[in-house]
Amino acid sequence: MFEKIVEVLSQYTEFPKENMTEETQLVDDLELNSFDVMTIISDVEDEYKISIPDEDIINFKTIGDIKNYLESHT
């Protein structure tokens, strides 16, 4: 699951995917803006065939946050 998330993220940032960890910050480390995050989450929703409410998305600060959410909701 982590690898799939990193693969999606690598399409939106120049941050080396081999350096991404669960602690990697979406905004501070990957330099993503809120539009980027929403687009990425849309891709993740398509990949995992789920819908993630906006109130949950605002809590995604790290790659691990996304992974943990998906593990508990898929």
Protein backbone atom coordinates (compact mmCIF):
# COMPACT_ATOMS: atom_id res chain seq x y z
CA MET A 1 0.00 0.00 0.00
CA PHE A 2 2.79 2.43 0.92
CA GLU A 3 4.50 1.79 -2.42
CA LYS A 4 1.31 2.61 -4.37
CA ILE A 5 0.87 5.86 -2.46
CA VAL A 6 4.50 6.82 -3.13
CA GLU A 7 3.99 6.01 -6.81
CA VAL A 8 1.01 8.39 -6.98
CA LEU A 9 2.86 11.10 -5.04
CA SER A 10 5.92 10.85 -7.28
CA GLN A 11 3.79 12.04 -10.20
CA TYR A 12 3.21 15.38 -8.43
CA THR A 13 6.57 16.17 -6.86
CA GLU A 14 10.24 16.06 -7.74
CA PHE A 15 11.09 14.74 -4.28
CA PRO A 16 12.93 11.42 -4.80
CA LYS A 17 10.52 8.57 -4.10
CA GLU A 18 13.33 6.48 -2.61
CA ASN A 19 13.60 9.15 0.12
CA MET A 20 9.89 9.12 0.95
CA THR A 21 8.93 7.59 4.29
CA GLU A 22 5.74 7.43 6.30
CA GLU A 23 6.94 10.53 8.15
CA THR A 24 7.42 12.57 4.95
CA GLN A 25 5.33 15.74 5.19
CA LEU A 26 3.04 16.40 2.21
CA VAL A 27 3.39 20.20 2.33
CA ASP A 28 6.74 20.84 4.04
CA ASP A 29 8.80 18.04 2.45
CA LEU A 30 7.04 17.36 -0.84
CA GLU A 31 6.13 21.03 -1.35
CA LEU A 32 2.56 20.18 -2.34
CA ASN A 33 -0.22 22.75 -2.13
CA SER A 34 -3.80 22.05 -1.11
CA PHE A 35 -4.90 21.61 -4.74
CA ASP A 36 -2.12 19.04 -5.27
CA VAL A 37 -3.22 17.14 -2.17
CA MET A 38 -6.85 17.06 -3.33
CA THR A 39 -5.79 15.82 -6.77
CA ILE A 40 -3.60 13.13 -5.24
CA ILE A 41 -6.38 12.01 -2.92
CA SER A 42 -8.69 11.79 -5.94
CA ASP A 43 -6.17 9.47 -7.60
CA VAL A 44 -5.93 7.40 -4.41
CA GLU A 45 -9.74 7.19 -4.20
CA ASP A 46 -9.83 5.89 -7.78
CA GLU A 47 -7.06 3.37 -7.07
CA TYR A 48 -8.74 1.98 -3.95
CA LYS A 49 -12.36 2.51 -5.04
CA ILE A 50 -13.30 4.50 -1.95
CA SER A 51 -14.54 7.99 -1.18
CA ILE A 52 -12.66 10.00 1.43
CA PRO A 53 -14.65 12.82 3.08
CA ASP A 54 -13.09 16.30 2.98
CA GLU A 55 -13.10 16.45 6.78
CA ASP A 56 -10.77 13.43 6.81
CA ILE A 57 -8.50 14.76 4.06
CA ILE A 58 -7.61 17.87 6.07
CA ASN A 59 -5.99 15.56 8.63
CA PHE A 60 -3.52 14.14 6.09
CA LYS A 61 -0.18 15.72 6.95
CA THR A 62 2.19 12.84 6.14
CA ILE A 63 2.34 9.88 3.78
CA GLY A 64 1.74 7.70 6.83
CA ASP A 65 -1.53 9.50 7.53
CA ILE A 66 -2.81 8.50 4.09
CA LYS A 67 -1.55 4.92 4.48
CA ASN A 68 -3.09 4.51 7.94
CA TYR A 69 -6.42 5.89 6.73
CA LEU A 70 -6.50 3.50 3.79
CA GLU A 71 -5.55 0.53 5.95
CA SER A 72 -8.44 1.22 8.30
CA HIS A 73 -11.00 2.01 5.56
CA THR A 74 -10.32 -0.58 2.85
